[in-house]
Structure formats: C-alpha cells, structure tokens
C-alpha cells in the first residue's frame, strides 16, 4: 500500500484500539457499565476494521491475471465497504441493543473509578490516533475541506480511519457523560442512554462510509485537475488536433484508465498516427503518473457531426461528486 493509503494511520489506530478494547472490557467486568461493554465491542470492531483495511491493501497488490486483466486495485474499495458493514452490525446495532436493555433494566454502576479512569485513558489514546490520521491526510488533502476530502478521496483508507477515530472520540465522550450522570444521580438509566447514543452515532458513521465507498465501487472518474491535465497532454497541435471525447475510470486508488477518441489530420499516414499516439501516451503518463491503462482511438474530426450532436470538445463522464 502506498503512503497515500495511510498505512501509518491504520497501524496507529489498530494499536490504540486493541489496547483500549482490553482496558474497556476490564472496566466493564469491575463496574457492570453497559457503556463500557458497548465501547469495548466498538473498539474490537474498529480493530477488526483496521485489519480488514490492511488485508485489502495487501490483496490489491496482486498482479493482473487473464481473469482479472485490470488487476485487483478495487480490493481496497471492497474491504473499506466491509468496514462500514462491520461498524453498522457489530458496533452500532450491539450498542443500541445493549442501551435498550440497560434503560429497561437499569442498575447502579459499581467501582465507578474503573470506567472513568479507562475512559480518560481511552480519550487520550484515541486523540493520538486521530492526530496521526489528520497528519497523514493533510499530506494528500491539499486545499480541500475535510468534508470534500472524505467525499472525493480515491484511496478509501484515510477517510475510513478519520471517521472511525472521530466516532470513537465522540463515543468515548458520550460514554463518559453517561457514566458520570449515572454515578452522580445514582440512576443507571443514564448509562443506558449514553450507550444508545453511541449506537446511533456508529450507525450514522457506517451509513456515511457505505455511501462514499459504494460510489468508489461503482467506478469514479479522475478528479477535475487530472482530467484537464490529460486533455492538455493529449493534444500536440500537429498530429493530434483535439480531443473528440474522453472517459476516465479509477481501476483502483492509484491506477487510472483513460479512453479517448482523438482527432488527427486526414492525410496523416498510419506511421505518423501511431507515433503520435505513442507520444500522447507518454505525455499523459508524465502529467498524471497513475494513468497506467490508456486506449486512444484516432478519428477525423467533423464540424458537421459536431454541430448535429453534443459538443465534442466536452468530456462526457467527467468528474462528479459522490
């Protein structure tokens, strides 16, 4: 997995979540807090999710085969989508069930210092993990807002880790509030309410992740800047006079397919056209290195055909938000 895959952020999150999961479960055993049980399951689910992201990154490196001629780059999208399912089912639904049961059958929290101490420790550990994810993301985010970065990122790992860490921090705060209110009031129902809120939070994050990853699985075009770079690189003004139409498609986070019909002079020889196509491919790869699969079809541009149909200078299938 490349640096853009956020391996450092994934490993940091995995280490933090495993340590936190153990601490939370110990606190649950001593205190009986449902918030702590929900949070320990949440941390275990997050640990499994980071394992899935690392596995997806490893599988995506496999060489192309006759059965999968464009390689396995989309494995990373598939495993990111599985993360959203795990977060929804294991984390969110379990927390909602546990919260409902605690509200229905409340009991006081015993040994209150265990859950409070563990939650404070967990907040500190998750903050370090979240900071690592932010630093890694800033290396590729550029001038995009965080919302647009999550929506437009072609590598799914960093958005997943960012949202998971954010959800973990908010969930820990909700758990701390629930436990604190239960201790102060002596009403265990507050612990259940905190657990219920954690469940709702996790389900919302899971739905966001599923929606964003679904778009990547369906196949997204290159970003606006890359599309313009490719269009500019295609035209040399001599043999290739314009782009009639073009499609781009991400085969994986760092692999782009480019297919274009280009206009050439009507009196060019086959040799000249072949040379021009090879030169255009070299210019594209120099401008956008991830453009690894390129198909160019030469044609004669027709003003009459252009006037009768859509603007041939446009780029159908260009970037759209997901």
Foldseek 3Di string as FASTA:
>chain_A
DDLLLVLVLLVLLLVLLVVLLVLLVVLCVQWVQLLSVLLSQLSVLSNVLSVLLVVLVVQQPDAADPVRNLGRQCSNLVSLLVSLVSLQPRRQVVLQVSLVVCLVPPAATGPLCSLLVSLVVSLVSLVVSLVSLVVSLVVPCPPPDPVVCCFPQQNNNSNSSNLSSVLSNVLSVLQNVLSVCCNVVVIRNSSSVSSNVSSVSSNVSSVVSNVSSVVSVVWFFDAPVLVVQLQVLLDPCAFFNGWQEKAKTDPHSQAIEIETETEGDPPDDPVVVVVSVVSSVVSSCVSRVNHDHYHYHYDHDDPVVCVVDPNRRDYPRHGDTD
